[in-house]
C-alpha atoms as a PDB file:
ATOM      1  CA  MET A   1      87.564  56.278 171.466  1.00  0.00           C
ATOM      2  CA  LEU A   2      91.327  56.375 171.059  1.00  0.00           C
ATOM      3  CA  CYS A   3      92.558  58.898 173.574  1.00  0.00           C
ATOM      4  CA  SER A   4      91.758  62.420 174.567  1.00  0.00           C
ATOM      5  CA  GLY A   5      94.840  63.586 172.695  1.00  0.00           C
ATOM      6  CA  THR A   6      93.036  62.914 169.342  1.00  0.00           C
ATOM      7  CA  LYS A   7      90.754  65.891 169.700  1.00  0.00           C
ATOM      8  CA  ILE A   8      91.737  69.046 167.782  1.00  0.00           C
ATOM      9  CA  SER A   9      91.629  72.567 169.184  1.00  0.00           C
ATOM     10  CA  ALA A  10      88.447  74.443 168.148  1.00  0.00           C
ATOM     11  CA  TRP A  11      90.474  77.442 166.604  1.00  0.00           C
ATOM     12  CA  VAL A  12      92.149  75.216 163.998  1.00  0.00           C
ATOM     13  CA  GLU A  13      90.412  76.152 160.724  1.00  0.00           C
ATOM     14  CA  LYS A  14      91.827  73.687 158.338  1.00  0.00           C
ATOM     15  CA  THR A  15      91.855  69.869 158.933  1.00  0.00           C
ATOM     16  CA  ILE A  16      93.278  67.184 156.706  1.00  0.00           C
ATOM     17  CA  PRO A  17      90.858  64.282 155.940  1.00  0.00           C
ATOM     18  CA  MET A  18      91.836  60.886 157.028  1.00  0.00           C
ATOM     19  CA  ARG A  19      93.124  59.070 153.903  1.00  0.00           C
ATOM     20  CA  ALA A  20      95.184  55.992 153.800  1.00  0.00           C
ATOM     21  CA  ILE A  21      98.848  56.807 152.776  1.00  0.00           C
ATOM     22  CA  TRP A  22     100.032  53.284 152.564  1.00  0.00           C
ATOM     23  CA  THR A  23      98.459  49.897 152.177  1.00  0.00           C
ATOM     24  CA  GLY A  24     100.187  46.637 153.083  1.00  0.00           C
ATOM     25  CA  ALA A  25     100.560  44.031 155.935  1.00  0.00           C
ATOM     26  CA  ILE A  26     102.159  43.589 159.262  1.00  0.00           C
ATOM     27  CA  GLY A  27     104.343  40.602 159.307  1.00  0.00           C
ATOM     28  CA  PHE A  28     104.106  38.922 162.782  1.00  0.00           C
ATOM     29  CA  GLY A  29     106.012  35.645 162.610  1.00  0.00           C
ATOM     30  CA  LEU A  30     104.150  33.755 159.968  1.00  0.00           C
ATOM     31  CA  VAL A  31     100.901  35.735 160.563  1.00  0.00           C
ATOM     32  CA  ASN A  32     100.154  38.224 157.886  1.00  0.00           C
ATOM     33  CA  ILE A  33      97.887  41.104 158.971  1.00  0.00           C
ATOM     34  CA  PRO A  34      96.530  43.338 156.092  1.00  0.00           C
ATOM     35  CA  VAL A  35      96.411  46.978 157.306  1.00  0.00           C
ATOM     36  CA  LYS A  36      96.217  50.668 156.027  1.00  0.00           C
ATOM     37  CA  LEU A  37      98.324  53.324 157.396  1.00  0.00           C
ATOM     38  CA  TYR A  38      96.985  56.749 158.230  1.00  0.00           C
ATOM     39  CA  SER A  39      98.779  59.907 159.472  1.00  0.00           C
ATOM     40  CA  ALA A  40      97.970  60.398 163.315  1.00  0.00           C
ATOM     41  CA  ALA A  41      99.057  64.119 163.349  1.00  0.00           C
ATOM     42  CA  GLN A  42      98.230  67.294 161.597  1.00  0.00           C
ATOM     43  CA  ARG A  43     100.004  70.628 162.103  1.00  0.00           C
ATOM     44  CA  SER A  44      98.287  73.261 164.137  1.00  0.00           C
ATOM     45  CA  GLU A  45     100.064  76.398 163.037  1.00  0.00           C
ATOM     46  CA  LEU A  46      98.362  78.911 160.700  1.00  0.00           C
ATOM     47  CA  ASP A  47      98.630  78.538 156.921  1.00  0.00           C
ATOM     48  CA  PHE A  48     100.364  81.679 155.406  1.00  0.00           C
ATOM     49  CA  ASP A  49     100.686  82.553 151.702  1.00  0.00           C
ATOM     50  CA  MET A  50     103.663  84.308 150.191  1.00  0.00           C
ATOM     51  CA  LEU A  51     102.527  87.567 148.685  1.00  0.00           C
ATOM     52  CA  ASP A  52     104.103  90.477 146.763  1.00  0.00           C
ATOM     53  CA  LYS A  53     104.362  93.370 149.178  1.00  0.00           C
ATOM     54  CA  LYS A  54     103.296  95.835 146.367  1.00  0.00           C
ATOM     55  CA  ASP A  55      99.923  94.519 145.260  1.00  0.00           C
ATOM     56  CA  HIS A  56      99.515  91.241 147.608  1.00  0.00           C
ATOM     57  CA  SER A  57      99.620  88.947 144.531  1.00  0.00           C
ATOM     58  CA  HIS A  58     100.547  85.256 145.120  1.00  0.00           C
ATOM     59  CA  ILE A  59     104.064  84.339 144.765  1.00  0.00           C
ATOM     60  CA  HIS A  60     104.538  81.021 142.808  1.00  0.00           C
ATOM     61  CA  TYR A  61     107.584  78.728 142.702  1.00  0.00           C
ATOM     62  CA  LYS A  62     108.475  77.213 139.489  1.00  0.00           C
ATOM     63  CA  ARG A  63     110.345  74.079 138.541  1.00  0.00           C
ATOM     64  CA  VAL A  64     112.940  75.427 135.981  1.00  0.00           C
ATOM     65  CA  ASN A  65     115.391  73.656 133.730  1.00  0.00           C
ATOM     66  CA  GLU A  66     118.682  75.288 134.676  1.00  0.00           C
ATOM     67  CA  LYS A  67     119.999  75.131 131.060  1.00  0.00           C
ATOM     68  CA  THR A  68     116.995  76.399 129.118  1.00  0.00           C
ATOM     69  CA  GLY A  69     115.333  78.417 131.885  1.00  0.00           C
ATOM     70  CA  ARG A  70     111.931  76.863 130.832  1.00  0.00           C
ATOM     71  CA  GLU A  71     109.333  75.587 133.332  1.00  0.00           C
ATOM     72  CA  VAL A  72     109.247  71.861 133.659  1.00  0.00           C
ATOM     73  CA  THR A  73     105.997  69.982 134.372  1.00  0.00           C
ATOM     74  CA  TRP A  74     105.721  67.294 137.112  1.00  0.00           C
ATOM     75  CA  ASN A  75     105.138  64.447 134.475  1.00  0.00           C
ATOM     76  CA  ASN A  76     108.475  65.334 132.864  1.00  0.00           C
ATOM     77  CA  ILE A  77     110.401  65.311 136.190  1.00  0.00           C
ATOM     78  CA  VAL A  78     112.426  62.224 137.072  1.00  0.00           C
ATOM     79  CA  LYS A  79     114.612  61.138 139.991  1.00  0.00           C
ATOM     80  CA  GLY A  80     118.378  60.707 139.352  1.00  0.00           C
ATOM     81  CA  TYR A  81     121.281  59.541 141.469  1.00  0.00           C
ATOM     82  CA  LYS A  82     124.716  61.020 140.544  1.00  0.00           C
ATOM     83  CA  HIS A  83     127.046  58.100 139.861  1.00  0.00           C
ATOM     84  CA  GLY A  84     130.585  59.456 138.887  1.00  0.00           C
ATOM     85  CA  SER A  85     130.034  62.142 136.366  1.00  0.00           C
ATOM     86  CA  ARG A  86     126.584  61.146 135.071  1.00  0.00           C
ATOM     87  CA  TYR A  87     123.090  60.594 136.538  1.00  0.00           C
ATOM     88  CA  ILE A  88     121.422  57.241 136.789  1.00  0.00           C
ATOM     89  CA  ILE A  89     117.548  57.781 136.400  1.00  0.00           C
ATOM     90  CA  VAL A  90     115.508  55.692 139.093  1.00  0.00           C
ATOM     91  CA  ASP A  91     111.819  54.961 138.704  1.00  0.00           C
ATOM     92  CA  ASP A  92     109.119  53.365 140.805  1.00  0.00           C
ATOM     93  CA  LYS A  93     109.952  49.926 139.569  1.00  0.00           C
ATOM     94  CA  ASP A  94     113.515  50.420 140.720  1.00  0.00           C
ATOM     95  CA  PHE A  95     112.555  51.227 144.227  1.00  0.00           C
ATOM     96  CA  LYS A  96     110.275  48.286 144.433  1.00  0.00           C
ATOM     97  CA  LYS A  97     112.834  46.018 142.880  1.00  0.00           C
ATOM     98  CA  ALA A  98     115.353  47.025 145.628  1.00  0.00           C
ATOM     99  CA  SER A  99     113.102  45.263 148.314  1.00  0.00           C
ATOM    100  CA  PRO A 100     109.672  44.058 146.959  1.00  0.00           C
ATOM    101  CA  LYS A 101     108.734  42.721 150.403  1.00  0.00           C
ATOM    102  CA  LYS A 102     109.690  45.756 152.438  1.00  0.00           C
ATOM    103  CA  SER A 103     107.540  47.965 149.984  1.00  0.00           C
ATOM    104  CA  THR A 104     104.325  46.104 151.138  1.00  0.00           C
ATOM    105  CA  THR A 105     105.124  44.693 154.608  1.00  0.00           C
ATOM    106  CA  ILE A 106     105.848  46.016 158.120  1.00  0.00           C
ATOM    107  CA  ASP A 107     108.169  43.349 159.338  1.00  0.00           C
ATOM    108  CA  ILE A 108     108.237  42.977 163.087  1.00  0.00           C
ATOM    109  CA  SER A 109     111.695  41.592 164.054  1.00  0.00           C
ATOM    110  CA  ASP A 110     111.919  42.270 167.779  1.00  0.00           C
ATOM    111  CA  PHE A 111     109.768  43.023 170.879  1.00  0.00           C
ATOM    112  CA  VAL A 112     110.877  45.332 173.648  1.00  0.00           C
ATOM    113  CA  MET A 113     109.552  46.906 176.896  1.00  0.00           C
ATOM    114  CA  GLU A 114     107.851  50.185 175.798  1.00  0.00           C
ATOM    115  CA  ASP A 115     109.817  52.336 178.177  1.00  0.00           C
ATOM    116  CA  GLU A 116     113.115  51.149 176.860  1.00  0.00           C
ATOM    117  CA  ILE A 117     112.912  53.439 173.753  1.00  0.00           C
ATOM    118  CA  GLU A 118     114.154  56.993 174.602  1.00  0.00           C
ATOM    119  CA  SER A 119     112.151  59.884 173.264  1.00  0.00           C
ATOM    120  CA  VAL A 120     114.972  61.215 171.130  1.00  0.00           C
ATOM    121  CA  TYR A 121     114.366  58.212 168.752  1.00  0.00           C
ATOM    122  CA  PHE A 122     110.641  59.004 168.133  1.00  0.00           C
ATOM    123  CA  GLU A 123     109.825  60.756 164.764  1.00  0.00           C
ATOM    124  CA  SER A 124     106.204  60.653 163.433  1.00  0.00           C
ATOM    125  CA  PRO A 125     102.973  58.840 164.623  1.00  0.00           C
ATOM    126  CA  TYR A 126     100.673  56.826 162.418  1.00  0.00           C
ATOM    127  CA  TYR A 127      97.535  54.908 162.924  1.00  0.00           C
ATOM    128  CA  LEU A 128      97.292  51.251 161.619  1.00  0.00           C
ATOM    129  CA  ALA A 129      93.794  50.193 160.796  1.00  0.00           C
ATOM    130  CA  PRO A 130      92.997  46.540 159.959  1.00  0.00           C
ATOM    131  CA  GLU A 131      91.470  45.524 156.638  1.00  0.00           C
ATOM    132  CA  LYS A 132      88.359  43.424 156.991  1.00  0.00           C
ATOM    133  CA  SER A 133      90.185  40.209 156.239  1.00  0.00           C
ATOM    134  CA  GLY A 134      92.723  40.946 159.011  1.00  0.00           C
ATOM    135  CA  VAL A 135      90.511  41.992 161.974  1.00  0.00           C
ATOM    136  CA  LYS A 136      90.934  38.794 163.940  1.00  0.00           C
ATOM    137  CA  ALA A 137      94.673  38.731 163.649  1.00  0.00           C
ATOM    138  CA  TYR A 138      95.036  42.368 164.374  1.00  0.00           C
ATOM    139  CA  GLY A 139      92.890  42.097 167.397  1.00  0.00           C
ATOM    140  CA  LEU A 140      95.111  39.231 168.628  1.00  0.00           C
ATOM    141  CA  LEU A 141      98.396  41.300 168.127  1.00  0.00           C
ATOM    142  CA  ARG A 142      96.844  44.334 169.831  1.00  0.00           C
ATOM    143  CA  GLU A 143      95.734  42.370 172.860  1.00  0.00           C
ATOM    144  CA  ALA A 144      99.208  40.510 173.088  1.00  0.00           C
ATOM    145  CA  LEU A 145     100.992  43.766 173.122  1.00  0.00           C
ATOM    146  CA  LYS A 146      98.665  45.188 175.747  1.00  0.00           C
ATOM    147  CA  LYS A 147      98.946  42.192 178.065  1.00  0.00           C
ATOM    148  CA  SER A 148     102.780  41.841 177.589  1.00  0.00           C
ATOM    149  CA  GLY A 149     103.466  45.589 178.058  1.00  0.00           C
ATOM    150  CA  LYS A 150     105.818  45.290 175.095  1.00  0.00           C
ATOM    151  CA  ALA A 151     106.153  47.049 171.781  1.00  0.00           C
ATOM    152  CA  GLY A 152     107.124  45.605 168.396  1.00  0.00           C
ATOM    153  CA  ILE A 153     110.176  46.916 166.552  1.00  0.00           C
ATOM    154  CA  GLY A 154     110.140  46.570 162.776  1.00  0.00           C
ATOM    155  CA  SER A 155     110.838  48.293 159.412  1.00  0.00           C
ATOM    156  CA  PHE A 156     108.922  49.123 156.309  1.00  0.00           C
ATOM    157  CA  VAL A 157     109.269  51.271 153.104  1.00  0.00           C
ATOM    158  CA  LEU A 158     107.216  54.614 152.876  1.00  0.00           C
ATOM    159  CA  ARG A 159     107.831  57.146 150.150  1.00  0.00           C
ATOM    160  CA  ASN A 160     110.862  55.267 148.829  1.00  0.00           C
ATOM    161  CA  LYS A 161     112.622  55.446 152.251  1.00  0.00           C
ATOM    162  CA  GLU A 162     113.124  52.540 154.709  1.00  0.00           C
ATOM    163  CA  HIS A 163     111.820  53.453 158.064  1.00  0.00           C
ATOM    164  CA  LEU A 164     112.613  51.843 161.552  1.00  0.00           C
ATOM    165  CA  CYS A 165     109.387  51.731 163.516  1.00  0.00           C
ATOM    166  CA  VAL A 166     107.800  50.807 166.747  1.00  0.00           C
ATOM    167  CA  LEU A 167     104.099  49.383 167.086  1.00  0.00           C
ATOM    168  CA  LYS A 168     102.266  49.783 170.354  1.00  0.00           C
ATOM    169  CA  PRO A 169      98.577  49.565 171.333  1.00  0.00           C
ATOM    170  CA  VAL A 170      96.687  52.745 171.971  1.00  0.00           C
ATOM    171  CA  GLY A 171      92.943  52.403 172.661  1.00  0.00           C
ATOM    172  CA  ASN A 172      91.446  50.044 170.304  1.00  0.00           C
ATOM    173  CA  LEU A 173      94.152  50.607 167.647  1.00  0.00           C
ATOM    174  CA  ILE A 174      97.833  49.850 167.153  1.00  0.00           C
ATOM    175  CA  VAL A 175      99.864  52.945 166.677  1.00  0.00           C
ATOM    176  CA  LEU A 176     102.984  53.033 164.458  1.00  0.00           C
ATOM    177  CA  ASN A 177     105.739  55.439 165.377  1.00  0.00           C
ATOM    178  CA  THR A 178     108.606  55.947 162.909  1.00  0.00           C
ATOM    179  CA  LEU A 179     112.007  55.960 164.678  1.00  0.00           C
ATOM    180  CA  ARG A 180     115.300  57.574 163.951  1.00  0.00           C
ATOM    181  CA  TYR A 181     118.269  55.265 163.337  1.00  0.00           C
ATOM    182  CA  GLY A 182     121.003  55.299 165.969  1.00  0.00           C
ATOM    183  CA  GLU A 183     123.367  56.897 163.147  1.00  0.00           C
ATOM    184  CA  GLU A 184     121.031  59.735 163.015  1.00  0.00           C
ATOM    185  CA  ILE A 185     121.301  60.835 166.663  1.00  0.00           C
ATOM    186  CA  ARG A 186     123.913  63.352 167.383  1.00  0.00           C
ATOM    187  CA  ASP A 187     126.464  62.480 170.085  1.00  0.00           C
ATOM    188  CA  PRO A 188     125.820  64.909 173.144  1.00  0.00           C
ATOM    189  CA  LYS A 189     129.472  65.020 173.697  1.00  0.00           C
ATOM    190  CA  GLU A 190     129.635  67.398 170.850  1.00  0.00           C
ATOM    191  CA  LEU A 191     128.078  70.059 173.126  1.00  0.00           C
ATOM    192  CA  ASP A 192     130.140  72.478 175.078  1.00  0.00           C
ATOM    193  CA  VAL A 193     128.147  72.081 178.371  1.00  0.00           C
ATOM    194  CA  PRO A 194     129.423  73.942 181.494  1.00  0.00           C
ATOM    195  CA  LYS A 195     130.272  71.588 184.411  1.00  0.00           C
ATOM    196  CA  ILE A 196     127.085  70.807 186.305  1.00  0.00           C
ATOM    197  CA  ALA A 197     127.470  71.051 190.009  1.00  0.00           C
ATOM    198  CA  LYS A 198     125.827  68.396 192.307  1.00  0.00           C
ATOM    199  CA  PRO A 199     122.845  69.990 194.244  1.00  0.00           C
ATOM    200  CA  LYS A 200     122.698  70.472 197.876  1.00  0.00           C
ATOM    201  CA  PRO A 201     120.466  67.940 199.849  1.00  0.00           C
ATOM    202  CA  ALA A 202     118.145  70.727 200.847  1.00  0.00           C
ATOM    203  CA  GLU A 203     117.702  72.032 197.342  1.00  0.00           C
ATOM    204  CA  LEU A 204     117.083  68.448 195.924  1.00  0.00           C
ATOM    205  CA  LYS A 205     114.609  67.801 198.639  1.00  0.00           C
ATOM    206  CA  MET A 206     112.593  70.985 197.905  1.00  0.00           C
ATOM    207  CA  ALA A 207     112.893  70.231 194.160  1.00  0.00           C
ATOM    208  CA  MET A 208     111.452  66.662 194.711  1.00  0.00           C
ATOM    209  CA  THR A 209     108.612  68.170 196.878  1.00  0.00           C
ATOM    210  CA  LEU A 210     107.673  70.622 194.095  1.00  0.00           C
ATOM    211  CA  ILE A 211     107.685  67.749 191.522  1.00  0.00           C
ATOM    212  CA  ASP A 212     105.360  65.776 193.828  1.00  0.00           C
ATOM    213  CA  GLN A 213     103.010  68.704 194.178  1.00  0.00           C
ATOM    214  CA  LEU A 214     102.864  69.181 190.347  1.00  0.00           C
ATOM    215  CA  THR A 215     102.602  65.522 189.545  1.00  0.00           C
ATOM    216  CA  THR A 216      99.351  64.451 187.752  1.00  0.00           C
ATOM    217  CA  SER A 217      98.313  62.091 184.889  1.00  0.00           C
ATOM    218  CA  PHE A 218      99.049  63.271 181.410  1.00  0.00           C
ATOM    219  CA  LYS A 219      95.910  64.862 179.746  1.00  0.00           C
ATOM    220  CA  PRO A 220      96.843  66.101 176.291  1.00  0.00           C
ATOM    221  CA  ASP A 221      93.645  68.354 175.989  1.00  0.00           C
ATOM    222  CA  LYS A 222      94.870  70.277 178.837  1.00  0.00           C
ATOM    223  CA  PHE A 223      97.717  71.742 176.583  1.00  0.00           C
ATOM    224  CA  LYS A 224      96.910  74.084 173.711  1.00  0.00           C
ATOM    225  CA  ASP A 225      98.875  75.828 171.024  1.00  0.00           C
ATOM    226  CA  THR A 226      98.262  79.123 172.623  1.00  0.00           C
ATOM    227  CA  TYR A 227     100.641  81.058 170.459  1.00  0.00           C
ATOM    228  CA  SER A 228      98.810  80.135 167.270  1.00  0.00           C
ATOM    229  CA  ALA A 229      95.463  80.908 168.876  1.00  0.00           C
ATOM    230  CA  ALA A 230      96.760  84.270 169.990  1.00  0.00           C
ATOM    231  CA  LEU A 231      98.167  85.016 166.568  1.00  0.00           C
ATOM    232  CA  LEU A 232      94.828  84.109 164.889  1.00  0.00           C
ATOM    233  CA  LYS A 233      93.024  86.583 167.363  1.00  0.00           C
ATOM    234  CA  THR A 234      95.460  89.229 166.317  1.00  0.00           C
ATOM    235  CA  ILE A 235      94.801  88.503 162.500  1.00  0.00           C
ATOM    236  CA  LYS A 236      91.004  88.745 163.112  1.00  0.00           C
ATOM    237  CA  ALA A 237      91.445  91.954 165.114  1.00  0.00           C
ATOM    238  CA  LYS A 238      93.541  93.473 162.116  1.00  0.00           C
ATOM    239  CA  ALA A 239      90.845  92.284 159.656  1.00  0.00           C
ATOM    240  CA  LYS A 240      88.301  94.317 161.574  1.00  0.00           C
ATOM    241  CA  THR A 241      90.479  97.363 161.386  1.00  0.00           C
ATOM    242  CA  LYS A 242      91.040  96.927 157.608  1.00  0.00           C
ATOM    243  CA  GLY A 243      94.618  95.928 157.845  1.00  0.00           C
ATOM    244  CA  LYS A 244      95.681  98.577 160.295  1.00  0.00           C
ATOM    245  CA  GLN A 245      97.578  97.485 163.500  1.00  0.00           C
ATOM    246  CA  PRO A 246      95.213  97.097 166.229  1.00  0.00           C
ATOM    247  CA  LYS A 247      95.889  98.705 169.738  1.00  0.00           C
ATOM    248  CA  GLU A 248      98.614  96.631 171.456  1.00  0.00           C
ATOM    249  CA  GLU A 249      97.990  95.105 174.821  1.00  0.00           C
ATOM    250  CA  GLU A 250     100.367  95.976 177.533  1.00  0.00           C
ATOM    251  CA  TYR A 251     102.810  93.182 178.451  1.00  0.00           C
ATOM    252  CA  PRO A 252     105.634  93.237 180.971  1.00  0.00           C
ATOM    253  CA  ASP A 253     109.149  92.797 179.481  1.00  0.00           C
ATOM    254  CA  MET A 254     110.061  89.196 179.485  1.00  0.00           C
ATOM    255  CA  LYS A 255     113.824  88.570 179.922  1.00  0.00           C
ATOM    256  CA  VAL A 256     116.051  85.727 180.670  1.00  0.00           C
ATOM    257  CA  THR A 257     117.616  86.332 184.021  1.00  0.00           C
ATOM    258  CA  HIS A 258     120.789  84.572 185.243  1.00  0.00           C
ATOM    259  CA  ARG A 259     120.532  84.326 189.018  1.00  0.00           C
ATOM    260  CA  LYS A 260     123.143  83.181 191.456  1.00  0.00           C
ATOM    261  CA  ALA A 261     122.941  79.710 192.819  1.00  0.00           C
ATOM    262  CA  GLU A 262     122.140  81.014 196.344  1.00  0.00           C
ATOM    263  CA  ASP A 263     118.909  82.219 195.056  1.00  0.00           C
ATOM    264  CA  LEU A 264     117.641  78.651 194.422  1.00  0.00           C
ATOM    265  CA  ILE A 265     116.325  77.954 197.854  1.00  0.00           C
ATOM    266  CA  ALA A 266     114.229  81.266 197.708  1.00  0.00           C
ATOM    267  CA  GLN A 267     112.906  80.403 194.226  1.00  0.00           C
ATOM    268  CA  LEU A 268     111.899  76.927 195.245  1.00  0.00           C
ATOM    269  CA  LYS A 269     110.127  78.234 198.362  1.00  0.00           C
ATOM    270  CA  ALA A 270     108.202  80.675 196.260  1.00  0.00           C
ATOM    271  CA  SER A 271     107.405  77.906 193.573  1.00  0.00           C
ATOM    272  CA  LEU A 272     106.124  75.589 196.517  1.00  0.00           C
ATOM    273  CA  LYS A 273     103.993  78.376 197.789  1.00  0.00           C
ATOM    274  CA  LYS A 274     102.454  79.047 194.256  1.00  0.00           C
ATOM    275  CA  ALA A 275     102.011  75.361 193.632  1.00  0.00           C
ATOM    276  CA  SER A 276     100.011  74.890 196.922  1.00  0.00           C
END
């Protein structure tokens, strides 16, 4: 059992089977741990097809040669990098030649406290599962990370791109999260943010009380993609009416309201009453 967050909502109709998308090893000092990488996430939104409005025929996208206008098959498509006025063709051998080691190894270069990494840097989660020959070393690294409360920082190449990553223990596995590089994070100073006034002591005290009342442990299963579930319900209702729009439910108008600062105390009091 990994964690409750690995369960998928019952309404999700399509699931992606677990297949290894990368095979290599974790480089931990001089220890080499053979592993396989699996995607830890799948999208929960509904899958829509693009159709012609007239007869509901599928819309297909073709790979077309800009000069001849003819369709090009996948086996005739190559990758090119524009160098000056011409393209240099790059194949799989060239990508591996750039860094053979990084193509097959997750190199751990540093260890940091888990809470040091700000959420803005996190990108995509993956499960790392050990090969049979690496079970013992894998277990050693997992337990060492648990006991130290630290996470490993490293890098590896996936789909011809080098990724910065963090390794941390979750349940009985090691989870790898790809990270954004510092240069990829935009400077918040670019935002035109209005001056934020310091709250009054009474307001802050009530806000802290509200936070305390709503504080609990994080349970991922508590949170559902309610929009997609409601959308699927609408689609099924429309299917029963043979494509006609079903009767709409009555909902109050939802608007963003801009209240005066003086209303904060009243809002906080109402919030506290509701929370209790």
